[in-house]
Amino acid sequence: LQLMQLRMEDRLQVCIEAEPAAAAAVVPP
């Protein structure tokens, strides 16, 4: 998303939210 922001500039806004328990969960890549 950082790359996309550099390309789209102010046309792209990003919001990433994760609970601590969710961020620690094991998932397939």
mmCIF file of all heavy atoms, coordinates in Angstrom:
data_MODEL
# 
_entry.id   MODEL 
# 
loop_
_atom_site.group_PDB 
_atom_site.id 
_atom_site.type_symbol 
_atom_site.label_atom_id 
_atom_site.label_alt_id 
_atom_site.label_comp_id 
_atom_site.label_asym_id 
_atom_site.label_entity_id 
_atom_site.label_seq_id 
_atom_site.pdbx_PDB_ins_code 
_atom_site.Cartn_x 
_atom_site.Cartn_y 
_atom_site.Cartn_z 
_atom_site.occupancy 
_atom_site.B_iso_or_equiv 
_atom_site.pdbx_formal_charge 
_atom_site.auth_seq_id 
_atom_site.auth_comp_id 
_atom_site.auth_asym_id 
_atom_site.auth_atom_id 
_atom_site.pdbx_PDB_model_num 
ATOM 1   N N   . LEU A 1 1  ? 0.826   -1.202  0.000   1.00 0.00 ? 1  LEU A N   1 
ATOM 2   C CA  . LEU A 1 1  ? 0.000   0.000   0.000   1.00 0.00 ? 1  LEU A CA  1 
ATOM 3   C C   . LEU A 1 1  ? 0.866   1.260   0.000   1.00 0.00 ? 1  LEU A C   1 
ATOM 4   O O   . LEU A 1 1  ? 0.472   2.301   -0.551  1.00 0.00 ? 1  LEU A O   1 
ATOM 5   C CB  . LEU A 1 1  ? -0.925  -0.015  1.211   1.00 0.00 ? 1  LEU A CB  1 
ATOM 6   C CG  . LEU A 1 1  ? -2.052  -1.049  1.135   1.00 0.00 ? 1  LEU A CG  1 
ATOM 7   C CD1 . LEU A 1 1  ? -2.779  -1.160  2.475   1.00 0.00 ? 1  LEU A CD1 1 
ATOM 8   C CD2 . LEU A 1 1  ? -3.040  -0.690  0.023   1.00 0.00 ? 1  LEU A CD2 1 
ATOM 9   N N   . GLN A 1 2  ? 2.045   1.192   0.601   1.00 0.00 ? 2  GLN A N   1 
ATOM 10  C CA  . GLN A 1 2  ? 2.955   2.328   0.543   1.00 0.00 ? 2  GLN A CA  1 
ATOM 11  C C   . GLN A 1 2  ? 3.385   2.604   -0.893  1.00 0.00 ? 2  GLN A C   1 
ATOM 12  O O   . GLN A 1 2  ? 3.447   3.765   -1.327  1.00 0.00 ? 2  GLN A O   1 
ATOM 13  C CB  . GLN A 1 2  ? 4.176   2.077   1.417   1.00 0.00 ? 2  GLN A CB  1 
ATOM 14  C CG  . GLN A 1 2  ? 5.146   3.248   1.475   1.00 0.00 ? 2  GLN A CG  1 
ATOM 15  C CD  . GLN A 1 2  ? 6.373   2.942   2.315   1.00 0.00 ? 2  GLN A CD  1 
ATOM 16  O OE1 . GLN A 1 2  ? 6.531   1.833   2.832   1.00 0.00 ? 2  GLN A OE1 1 
ATOM 17  N NE2 . GLN A 1 2  ? 7.262   3.915   2.458   1.00 0.00 ? 2  GLN A NE2 1 
ATOM 18  N N   . LEU A 1 3  ? 3.673   1.540   -1.633  1.00 0.00 ? 3  LEU A N   1 
ATOM 19  C CA  . LEU A 1 3  ? 4.020   1.705   -3.046  1.00 0.00 ? 3  LEU A CA  1 
ATOM 20  C C   . LEU A 1 3  ? 2.860   2.318   -3.819  1.00 0.00 ? 3  LEU A C   1 
ATOM 21  O O   . LEU A 1 3  ? 3.043   3.211   -4.659  1.00 0.00 ? 3  LEU A O   1 
ATOM 22  C CB  . LEU A 1 3  ? 4.404   0.353   -3.651  1.00 0.00 ? 3  LEU A CB  1 
ATOM 23  C CG  . LEU A 1 3  ? 5.843   -0.103  -3.472  1.00 0.00 ? 3  LEU A CG  1 
ATOM 24  C CD1 . LEU A 1 3  ? 6.003   -1.537  -3.945  1.00 0.00 ? 3  LEU A CD1 1 
ATOM 25  C CD2 . LEU A 1 3  ? 6.781   0.815   -4.245  1.00 0.00 ? 3  LEU A CD2 1 
ATOM 26  N N   . MET A 1 4  ? 1.652   1.828   -3.555  1.00 0.00 ? 4  MET A N   1 
ATOM 27  C CA  . MET A 1 4  ? 0.496   2.360   -4.263  1.00 0.00 ? 4  MET A CA  1 
ATOM 28  C C   . MET A 1 4  ? 0.253   3.828   -3.907  1.00 0.00 ? 4  MET A C   1 
ATOM 29  O O   . MET A 1 4  ? -0.173  4.629   -4.750  1.00 0.00 ? 4  MET A O   1 
ATOM 30  C CB  . MET A 1 4  ? -0.744  1.528   -3.928  1.00 0.00 ? 4  MET A CB  1 
ATOM 31  C CG  . MET A 1 4  ? -0.711  0.097   -4.452  1.00 0.00 ? 4  MET A CG  1 
ATOM 32  S SD  . MET A 1 4  ? -0.633  0.020   -6.274  1.00 0.00 ? 4  MET A SD  1 
ATOM 33  C CE  . MET A 1 4  ? 1.111   -0.328  -6.505  1.00 0.00 ? 4  MET A CE  1 
ATOM 34  N N   . GLN A 1 5  ? 0.535   4.199   -2.658  1.00 0.00 ? 5  GLN A N   1 
ATOM 35  C CA  . GLN A 1 5  ? 0.372   5.595   -2.266  1.00 0.00 ? 5  GLN A CA  1 
ATOM 36  C C   . GLN A 1 5  ? 1.387   6.488   -2.985  1.00 0.00 ? 5  GLN A C   1 
ATOM 37  O O   . GLN A 1 5  ? 1.056   7.611   -3.388  1.00 0.00 ? 5  GLN A O   1 
ATOM 38  C CB  . GLN A 1 5  ? 0.549   5.742   -0.761  1.00 0.00 ? 5  GLN A CB  1 
ATOM 39  C CG  . GLN A 1 5  ? -0.682  5.379   0.049   1.00 0.00 ? 5  GLN A CG  1 
ATOM 40  C CD  . GLN A 1 5  ? -0.493  5.652   1.532   1.00 0.00 ? 5  GLN A CD  1 
ATOM 41  O OE1 . GLN A 1 5  ? 0.474   5.183   2.137   1.00 0.00 ? 5  GLN A OE1 1 
ATOM 42  N NE2 . GLN A 1 5  ? -1.406  6.415   2.107   1.00 0.00 ? 5  GLN A NE2 1 
ATOM 43  N N   . LEU A 1 6  ? 2.606   6.001   -3.154  1.00 0.00 ? 6  LEU A N   1 
ATOM 44  C CA  . LEU A 1 6  ? 3.609   6.775   -3.871  1.00 0.00 ? 6  LEU A CA  1 
ATOM 45  C C   . LEU A 1 6  ? 3.215   6.970   -5.328  1.00 0.00 ? 6  LEU A C   1 
ATOM 46  O O   . LEU A 1 6  ? 3.563   7.989   -5.946  1.00 0.00 ? 6  LEU A O   1 
ATOM 47  C CB  . LEU A 1 6  ? 4.965   6.080   -3.776  1.00 0.00 ? 6  LEU A CB  1 
ATOM 48  C CG  . LEU A 1 6  ? 5.626   6.095   -2.388  1.00 0.00 ? 6  LEU A CG  1 
ATOM 49  C CD1 . LEU A 1 6  ? 6.848   5.193   -2.362  1.00 0.00 ? 6  LEU A CD1 1 
ATOM 50  C CD2 . LEU A 1 6  ? 6.003   7.524   -2.003  1.00 0.00 ? 6  LEU A CD2 1 
ATOM 51  N N   . ARG A 1 7  ? 2.487   6.007   -5.869  1.00 0.00 ? 7  ARG A N   1 
ATOM 52  C CA  . ARG A 1 7  ? 2.069   6.119   -7.268  1.00 0.00 ? 7  ARG A CA  1 
ATOM 53  C C   . ARG A 1 7  ? 0.793   6.929   -7.420  1.00 0.00 ? 7  ARG A C   1 
ATOM 54  O O   . ARG A 1 7  ? 0.666   7.756   -8.313  1.00 0.00 ? 7  ARG A O   1 
ATOM 55  C CB  . ARG A 1 7  ? 1.871   4.715   -7.866  1.00 0.00 ? 7  ARG A CB  1 
ATOM 56  C CG  . ARG A 1 7  ? 1.747   4.733   -9.384  1.00 0.00 ? 7  ARG A CG  1 
ATOM 57  C CD  . ARG A 1 7  ? 1.749   3.337   -9.944  1.00 0.00 ? 7  ARG A CD  1 
ATOM 58  N NE  . ARG A 1 7  ? 0.448   2.696   -9.815  1.00 0.00 ? 7  ARG A NE  1 
ATOM 59  C CZ  . ARG A 1 7  ? 0.201   1.434   -10.153 1.00 0.00 ? 7  ARG A CZ  1 
ATOM 60  N NH1 . ARG A 1 7  ? 1.189   0.676   -10.598 1.00 0.00 ? 7  ARG A NH1 1 
ATOM 61  N NH2 . ARG A 1 7  ? -1.003  0.925   -10.038 1.00 0.00 ? 7  ARG A NH2 1 
ATOM 62  N N   . MET A 1 8  ? -0.191  6.696   -6.539  1.00 0.00 ? 8  MET A N   1 
ATOM 63  C CA  . MET A 1 8  ? -1.475  7.387   -6.649  1.00 0.00 ? 8  MET A CA  1 
ATOM 64  C C   . MET A 1 8  ? -1.513  8.690   -5.864  1.00 0.00 ? 8  MET A C   1 
ATOM 65  O O   . MET A 1 8  ? -2.476  9.463   -5.973  1.00 0.00 ? 8  MET A O   1 
ATOM 66  C CB  . MET A 1 8  ? -2.593  6.456   -6.156  1.00 0.00 ? 8  MET A CB  1 
ATOM 67  C CG  . MET A 1 8  ? -2.749  5.192   -6.965  1.00 0.00 ? 8  MET A CG  1 
ATOM 68  S SD  . MET A 1 8  ? -3.988  4.040   -6.272  1.00 0.00 ? 8  MET A SD  1 
ATOM 69  C CE  . MET A 1 8  ? -5.470  5.037   -6.371  1.00 0.00 ? 8  MET A CE  1 
ATOM 70  N N   . GLU A 1 9  ? -0.492  8.920   -5.038  1.00 0.00 ? 9  GLU A N   1 
ATOM 71  C CA  . GLU A 1 9  ? -0.366  10.129  -4.234  1.00 0.00 ? 9  GLU A CA  1 
ATOM 72  C C   . GLU A 1 9  ? -1.597  10.322  -3.349  1.00 0.00 ? 9  GLU A C   1 
ATOM 73  O O   . GLU A 1 9  ? -2.020  9.387   -2.672  1.00 0.00 ? 9  GLU A O   1 
ATOM 74  C CB  . GLU A 1 9  ? -0.098  11.325  -5.152  1.00 0.00 ? 9  GLU A CB  1 
ATOM 75  C CG  . GLU A 1 9  ? 1.214   11.180  -5.923  1.00 0.00 ? 9  GLU A CG  1 
ATOM 76  C CD  . GLU A 1 9  ? 1.511   12.358  -6.798  1.00 0.00 ? 9  GLU A CD  1 
ATOM 77  O OE1 . GLU A 1 9  ? 0.575   13.106  -7.146  1.00 0.00 ? 9  GLU A OE1 1 
ATOM 78  O OE2 . GLU A 1 9  ? 2.692   12.548  -7.147  1.00 0.00 ? 9  GLU A OE2 1 
ATOM 79  N N   . ASP A 1 10 ? -2.202  11.531  -3.392  1.00 0.00 ? 10 ASP A N   1 
ATOM 80  C CA  . ASP A 1 10 ? -3.292  11.806  -2.462  1.00 0.00 ? 10 ASP A CA  1 
ATOM 81  C C   . ASP A 1 10 ? -4.606  11.159  -2.854  1.00 0.00 ? 10 ASP A C   1 
ATOM 82  O O   . ASP A 1 10 ? -5.615  11.322  -2.162  1.00 0.00 ? 10 ASP A O   1 
ATOM 83  C CB  . ASP A 1 10 ? -3.484  13.321  -2.300  1.00 0.00 ? 10 ASP A CB  1 
ATOM 84  C CG  . ASP A 1 10 ? -3.777  14.008  -3.633  1.00 0.00 ? 10 ASP A CG  1 
ATOM 85  O OD1 . ASP A 1 10 ? -3.726  13.314  -4.676  1.00 0.00 ? 10 ASP A OD1 1 
ATOM 86  O OD2 . ASP A 1 10 ? -4.049  15.227  -3.632  1.00 0.00 ? 10 ASP A OD2 1 
ATOM 87  N N   . ARG A 1 11 ? -4.621  10.399  -3.941  1.00 0.00 ? 11 ARG A N   1 
ATOM 88  C CA  . ARG A 1 11 ? -5.835  9.685   -4.336  1.00 0.00 ? 11 ARG A CA  1 
ATOM 89  C C   . ARG A 1 11 ? -6.034  8.410   -3.518  1.00 0.00 ? 11 ARG A C   1 
ATOM 90  O O   . ARG A 1 11 ? -7.073  7.777   -3.608  1.00 0.00 ? 11 ARG A O   1 
ATOM 91  C CB  . ARG A 1 11 ? -5.800  9.327   -5.827  1.00 0.00 ? 11 ARG A CB  1 
ATOM 92  C CG  . ARG A 1 11 ? -5.854  10.539  -6.747  1.00 0.00 ? 11 ARG A CG  1 
ATOM 93  C CD  . ARG A 1 11 ? -5.761  10.140  -8.206  1.00 0.00 ? 11 ARG A CD  1 
ATOM 94  N NE  . ARG A 1 11 ? -6.838  9.214   -8.570  1.00 0.00 ? 11 ARG A NE  1 
ATOM 95  C CZ  . ARG A 1 11 ? -6.635  7.985   -9.023  1.00 0.00 ? 11 ARG A CZ  1 
ATOM 96  N NH1 . ARG A 1 11 ? -5.385  7.514   -9.135  1.00 0.00 ? 11 ARG A NH1 1 
ATOM 97  N NH2 . ARG A 1 11 ? -7.655  7.219   -9.340  1.00 0.00 ? 11 ARG A NH2 1 
ATOM 98  N N   . LEU A 1 12 ? -5.049  8.014   -2.758  1.00 0.00 ? 12 LEU A N   1 
ATOM 99  C CA  . LEU A 1 12 ? -5.150  6.781   -1.974  1.00 0.00 ? 12 LEU A CA  1 
ATOM 100 C C   . LEU A 1 12 ? -4.848  7.063   -0.508  1.00 0.00 ? 12 LEU A C   1 
ATOM 101 O O   . LEU A 1 12 ? -3.785  7.590   -0.164  1.00 0.00 ? 12 LEU A O   1 
ATOM 102 C CB  . LEU A 1 12 ? -4.174  5.724   -2.504  1.00 0.00 ? 12 LEU A CB  1 
ATOM 103 C CG  . LEU A 1 12 ? -4.098  4.418   -1.697  1.00 0.00 ? 12 LEU A CG  1 
ATOM 104 C CD1 . LEU A 1 12 ? -5.448  3.712   -1.669  1.00 0.00 ? 12 LEU A CD1 1 
ATOM 105 C CD2 . LEU A 1 12 ? -3.028  3.486   -2.267  1.00 0.00 ? 12 LEU A CD2 1 
ATOM 106 N N   . GLN A 1 13 ? -5.782  6.698   0.353   1.00 0.00 ? 13 GLN A N   1 
ATOM 107 C CA  . GLN A 1 13 ? -5.605  6.753   1.790   1.00 0.00 ? 13 GLN A CA  1 
ATOM 108 C C   . GLN A 1 13 ? -5.632  5.322   2.336   1.00 0.00 ? 13 GLN A C   1 
ATOM 109 O O   . GLN A 1 13 ? -6.340  4.462   1.808   1.00 0.00 ? 13 GLN A O   1 
ATOM 110 C CB  . GLN A 1 13 ? -6.707  7.587   2.455   1.00 0.00 ? 13 GLN A CB  1 
ATOM 111 C CG  . GLN A 1 13 ? -6.845  8.987   1.884   1.00 0.00 ? 13 GLN A CG  1 
ATOM 112 C CD  . GLN A 1 13 ? -5.580  9.810   2.047   1.00 0.00 ? 13 GLN A CD  1 
ATOM 113 O OE1 . GLN A 1 13 ? -4.936  9.750   3.100   1.00 0.00 ? 13 GLN A OE1 1 
ATOM 114 N NE2 . GLN A 1 13 ? -5.213  10.574  1.017   1.00 0.00 ? 13 GLN A NE2 1 
ATOM 115 N N   . VAL A 1 14 ? -4.880  5.089   3.383   1.00 0.00 ? 14 VAL A N   1 
ATOM 116 C CA  . VAL A 1 14 ? -4.718  3.730   3.917   1.00 0.00 ? 14 VAL A CA  1 
ATOM 117 C C   . VAL A 1 14 ? -5.008  3.742   5.413   1.00 0.00 ? 14 VAL A C   1 
ATOM 118 O O   . VAL A 1 14 ? -4.581  4.651   6.135   1.00 0.00 ? 14 VAL A O   1 
ATOM 119 C CB  . VAL A 1 14 ? -3.295  3.197   3.662   1.00 0.00 ? 14 VAL A CB  1 
ATOM 120 C CG1 . VAL A 1 14 ? -3.097  1.855   4.355   1.00 0.00 ? 14 VAL A CG1 1 
ATOM 121 C CG2 . VAL A 1 14 ? -3.041  3.066   2.169   1.00 0.00 ? 14 VAL A CG2 1 
ATOM 122 N N   . CYS A 1 15 ? -5.714  2.696   5.860   1.00 0.00 ? 15 CYS A N   1 
ATOM 123 C CA  . CYS A 1 15 ? -5.968  2.508   7.279   1.00 0.00 ? 15 CYS A CA  1 
ATOM 124 C C   . CYS A 1 15 ? -5.828  1.024   7.596   1.00 0.00 ? 15 CYS A C   1 
ATOM 125 O O   . CYS A 1 15 ? -6.545  0.188   7.022   1.00 0.00 ? 15 CYS A O   1 
ATOM 126 C CB  . CYS A 1 15 ? -7.357  3.008   7.659   1.00 0.00 ? 15 CYS A CB  1 
ATOM 127 S SG  . CYS A 1 15 ? -7.784  2.751   9.405   1.00 0.00 ? 15 CYS A SG  1 
ATOM 128 N N   . ILE A 1 16 ? -4.889  0.672   8.470   1.00 0.00 ? 16 ILE A N   1 
ATOM 129 C CA  . ILE A 1 16 ? -4.672  -0.719  8.884   1.00 0.00 ? 16 ILE A CA  1 
ATOM 130 C C   . ILE A 1 16 ? -4.887  -0.798  10.395  1.00 0.00 ? 16 ILE A C   1 
ATOM 131 O O   . ILE A 1 16 ? -4.184  -0.131  11.160  1.00 0.00 ? 16 ILE A O   1 
ATOM 132 C CB  . ILE A 1 16 ? -3.265  -1.214  8.513   1.00 0.00 ? 16 ILE A CB  1 
ATOM 133 C CG1 . ILE A 1 16 ? -3.068  -1.170  6.991   1.00 0.00 ? 16 ILE A CG1 1 
ATOM 134 C CG2 . ILE A 1 16 ? -3.047  -2.632  9.026   1.00 0.00 ? 16 ILE A CG2 1 
ATOM 135 C CD1 . ILE A 1 16 ? -1.693  -1.624  6.536   1.00 0.00 ? 16 ILE A CD1 1 
ATOM 136 N N   . GLU A 1 17 ? -5.854  -1.609  10.815  1.00 0.00 ? 17 GLU A N   1 
ATOM 137 C CA  . GLU A 1 17 ? -6.185  -1.762  12.227  1.00 0.00 ? 17 GLU A CA  1 
ATOM 138 C C   . GLU A 1 17 ? -6.155  -3.244  12.580  1.00 0.00 ? 17 GLU A C   1 
ATOM 139 O O   . GLU A 1 17 ? -6.753  -4.068  11.879  1.00 0.00 ? 17 GLU A O   1 
ATOM 140 C CB  . GLU A 1 17 ? -7.572  -1.191  12.532  1.00 0.00 ? 17 GLU A CB  1 
ATOM 141 C CG  . GLU A 1 17 ? -7.735  0.282   12.163  1.00 0.00 ? 17 GLU A CG  1 
ATOM 142 C CD  . GLU A 1 17 ? -9.159  0.748   12.319  1.00 0.00 ? 17 GLU A CD  1 
ATOM 143 O OE1 . GLU A 1 17 ? -10.050 -0.126  12.487  1.00 0.00 ? 17 GLU A OE1 1 
ATOM 144 O OE2 . GLU A 1 17 ? -9.404  1.969   12.269  1.00 0.00 ? 17 GLU A OE2 1 
ATOM 145 N N   . ALA A 1 18 ? -5.475  -3.587  13.677  1.00 0.00 ? 18 ALA A N   1 
ATOM 146 C CA  . ALA A 1 18 ? -5.384  -4.988  14.084  1.00 0.00 ? 18 ALA A CA  1 
ATOM 147 C C   . ALA A 1 18 ? -5.337  -5.079  15.600  1.00 0.00 ? 18 ALA A C   1 
ATOM 148 O O   . ALA A 1 18 ? -4.524  -4.404  16.243  1.00 0.00 ? 18 ALA A O   1 
ATOM 149 C CB  . ALA A 1 18 ? -4.146  -5.658  13.488  1.00 0.00 ? 18 ALA A CB  1 
ATOM 150 N N   . GLU A 1 19 ? -6.200  -5.899  16.159  1.00 0.00 ? 19 GLU A N   1 
ATOM 151 C CA  . GLU A 1 19 ? -6.136  -6.167  17.588  1.00 0.00 ? 19 GLU A CA  1 
ATOM 152 C C   . GLU A 1 19 ? -4.868  -6.969  17.889  1.00 0.00 ? 19 GLU A C   1 
ATOM 153 O O   . GLU A 1 19 ? -4.408  -7.759  17.042  1.00 0.00 ? 19 GLU A O   1 
ATOM 154 C CB  . GLU A 1 19 ? -7.364  -6.967  18.030  1.00 0.00 ? 19 GLU A CB  1 
ATOM 155 C CG  . GLU A 1 19 ? -8.680  -6.242  17.829  1.00 0.00 ? 19 GLU A CG  1 
ATOM 156 C CD  . GLU A 1 19 ? -9.874  -7.117  18.198  1.00 0.00 ? 19 GLU A CD  1 
ATOM 157 O OE1 . GLU A 1 19 ? -9.659  -8.306  18.517  1.00 0.00 ? 19 GLU A OE1 1 
ATOM 158 O OE2 . GLU A 1 19 ? -11.014 -6.602  18.160  1.00 0.00 ? 19 GLU A OE2 1 
ATOM 159 N N   . PRO A 1 20 ? -4.282  -6.803  19.060  1.00 0.00 ? 20 PRO A N   1 
ATOM 160 C CA  . PRO A 1 20 ? -3.059  -7.549  19.390  1.00 0.00 ? 20 PRO A CA  1 
ATOM 161 C C   . PRO A 1 20 ? -3.226  -9.061  19.268  1.00 0.00 ? 20 PRO A C   1 
ATOM 162 O O   . PRO A 1 20 ? -2.337  -9.753  18.753  1.00 0.00 ? 20 PRO A O   1 
ATOM 163 C CB  . PRO A 1 20 ? -2.772  -7.130  20.836  1.00 0.00 ? 20 PRO A CB  1 
ATOM 164 C CG  . PRO A 1 20 ? -3.417  -5.775  20.974  1.00 0.00 ? 20 PRO A CG  1 
ATOM 165 C CD  . PRO A 1 20 ? -4.637  -5.813  20.105  1.00 0.00 ? 20 PRO A CD  1 
ATOM 166 N N   . ALA A 1 21 ? -4.374  -9.593  19.729  1.00 0.00 ? 21 ALA A N   1 
ATOM 167 C CA  . ALA A 1 21 ? -4.588  -11.041 19.639  1.00 0.00 ? 21 ALA A CA  1 
ATOM 168 C C   . ALA A 1 21 ? -4.691  -11.485 18.192  1.00 0.00 ? 21 ALA A C   1 
ATOM 169 O O   . ALA A 1 21 ? -4.245  -12.582 17.830  1.00 0.00 ? 21 ALA A O   1 
ATOM 170 C CB  . ALA A 1 21 ? -5.861  -11.422 20.401  1.00 0.00 ? 21 ALA A CB  1 
ATOM 171 N N   . ALA A 1 22 ? -5.271  -10.636 17.347  1.00 0.00 ? 22 ALA A N   1 
ATOM 172 C CA  . ALA A 1 22 ? -5.383  -10.984 15.931  1.00 0.00 ? 22 ALA A CA  1 
ATOM 173 C C   . ALA A 1 22 ? -4.027  -10.915 15.238  1.00 0.00 ? 22 ALA A C   1 
ATOM 174 O O   . ALA A 1 22 ? -3.684  -11.779 14.416  1.00 0.00 ? 22 ALA A O   1 
ATOM 175 C CB  . ALA A 1 22 ? -6.375  -10.053 15.245  1.00 0.00 ? 22 ALA A CB  1 
ATOM 176 N N   . ALA A 1 23 ? -3.232  -9.904  15.545  1.00 0.00 ? 23 ALA A N   1 
ATOM 177 C CA  . ALA A 1 23 ? -1.922  -9.762  14.917  1.00 0.00 ? 23 ALA A CA  1 
ATOM 178 C C   . ALA A 1 23 ? -1.000  -10.923 15.261  1.00 0.00 ? 23 ALA A C   1 
ATOM 179 O O   . ALA A 1 23 ? -0.128  -11.301 14.470  1.00 0.00 ? 23 ALA A O   1 
ATOM 180 C CB  . ALA A 1 23 ? -1.283  -8.446  15.332  1.00 0.00 ? 23 ALA A CB  1 
ATOM 181 N N   . ALA A 1 24 ? -1.184  -11.524 16.432  1.00 0.00 ? 24 ALA A N   1 
ATOM 182 C CA  . ALA A 1 24 ? -0.326  -12.640 16.850  1.00 0.00 ? 24 ALA A CA  1 
ATOM 183 C C   . ALA A 1 24 ? -0.817  -13.978 16.308  1.00 0.00 ? 24 ALA A C   1 
ATOM 184 O O   . ALA A 1 24 ? -0.081  -14.973 16.392  1.00 0.00 ? 24 ALA A O   1 
ATOM 185 C CB  . ALA A 1 24 ? -0.263  -12.700 18.375  1.00 0.00 ? 24 ALA A CB  1 
ATOM 186 N N   . ALA A 1 25 ? -2.029  -14.037 15.768  1.00 0.00 ? 25 ALA A N   1 
ATOM 187 C CA  . ALA A 1 25 ? -2.580  -15.303 15.287  1.00 0.00 ? 25 ALA A CA  1 
ATOM 188 C C   . ALA A 1 25 ? -1.765  -15.839 14.115  1.00 0.00 ? 25 ALA A C   1 
ATOM 189 O O   . ALA A 1 25 ? -1.212  -15.085 13.316  1.00 0.00 ? 25 ALA A O   1 
ATOM 190 C CB  . ALA A 1 25 ? -4.036  -15.122 14.878  1.00 0.00 ? 25 ALA A CB  1 
ATOM 191 N N   . VAL A 1 26 ? -1.693  -17.160 14.011  1.00 0.00 ? 26 VAL A N   1 
ATOM 192 C CA  . VAL A 1 26 ? -0.940  -17.825 12.944  1.00 0.00 ? 26 VAL A CA  1 
ATOM 193 C C   . VAL A 1 26 ? -1.862  -18.060 11.744  1.00 0.00 ? 26 VAL A C   1 
ATOM 194 O O   . VAL A 1 26 ? -2.962  -18.603 11.895  1.00 0.00 ? 26 VAL A O   1 
ATOM 195 C CB  . VAL A 1 26 ? -0.360  -19.159 13.443  1.00 0.00 ? 26 VAL A CB  1 
ATOM 196 C CG1 . VAL A 1 26 ? 0.353   -19.892 12.311  1.00 0.00 ? 26 VAL A CG1 1 
ATOM 197 C CG2 . VAL A 1 26 ? 0.598   -18.908 14.597  1.00 0.00 ? 26 VAL A CG2 1 
ATOM 198 N N   . VAL A 1 27 ? -1.419  -17.635 10.566  1.00 0.00 ? 27 VAL A N   1 
ATOM 199 C CA  . VAL A 1 27 ? -2.221  -17.762 9.346   1.00 0.00 ? 27 VAL A CA  1 
ATOM 200 C C   . VAL A 1 27 ? -1.324  -18.222 8.196   1.00 0.00 ? 27 VAL A C   1 
ATOM 201 O O   . VAL A 1 27 ? -0.102  -18.053 8.250   1.00 0.00 ? 27 VAL A O   1 
ATOM 202 C CB  . VAL A 1 27 ? -2.894  -16.428 8.974   1.00 0.00 ? 27 VAL A CB  1 
ATOM 203 C CG1 . VAL A 1 27 ? -3.875  -15.984 10.044  1.00 0.00 ? 27 VAL A CG1 1 
ATOM 204 C CG2 . VAL A 1 27 ? -1.849  -15.352 8.717   1.00 0.00 ? 27 VAL A CG2 1 
ATOM 205 N N   . PRO A 1 28 ? -1.913  -18.814 7.150   1.00 0.00 ? 28 PRO A N   1 
ATOM 206 C CA  . PRO A 1 28 ? -1.127  -19.102 5.951   1.00 0.00 ? 28 PRO A CA  1 
ATOM 207 C C   . PRO A 1 28 ? -0.684  -17.793 5.291   1.00 0.00 ? 28 PRO A C   1 
ATOM 208 O O   . PRO A 1 28 ? -1.360  -16.765 5.427   1.00 0.00 ? 28 PRO A O   1 
ATOM 209 C CB  . PRO A 1 28 ? -2.117  -19.867 5.051   1.00 0.00 ? 28 PRO A CB  1 
ATOM 210 C CG  . PRO A 1 28 ? -3.204  -20.310 5.958   1.00 0.00 ? 28 PRO A CG  1 
ATOM 211 C CD  . PRO A 1 28 ? -3.291  -19.305 7.049   1.00 0.00 ? 28 PRO A CD  1 
ATOM 212 N N   . PRO A 1 29 ? 0.425   -17.814 4.574   1.00 0.00 ? 29 PRO A N   1 
ATOM 213 C CA  . PRO A 1 29 ? 0.910   -16.566 3.966   1.00 0.00 ? 29 PRO A CA  1 
ATOM 214 C C   . PRO A 1 29 ? 0.087   -16.159 2.753   1.00 0.00 ? 29 PRO A C   1 
ATOM 215 O O   . PRO A 1 29 ? -0.622  -16.971 2.146   1.00 0.00 ? 29 PRO A O   1 
ATOM 216 C CB  . PRO A 1 29 ? 2.346   -16.920 3.559   1.00 0.00 ? 29 PRO A CB  1 
ATOM 217 C CG  . PRO A 1 29 ? 2.313   -18.394 3.332   1.00 0.00 ? 29 PRO A CG  1 
ATOM 218 C CD  . PRO A 1 29 ? 1.334   -18.941 4.337   1.00 0.00 ? 29 PRO A CD  1 
# 
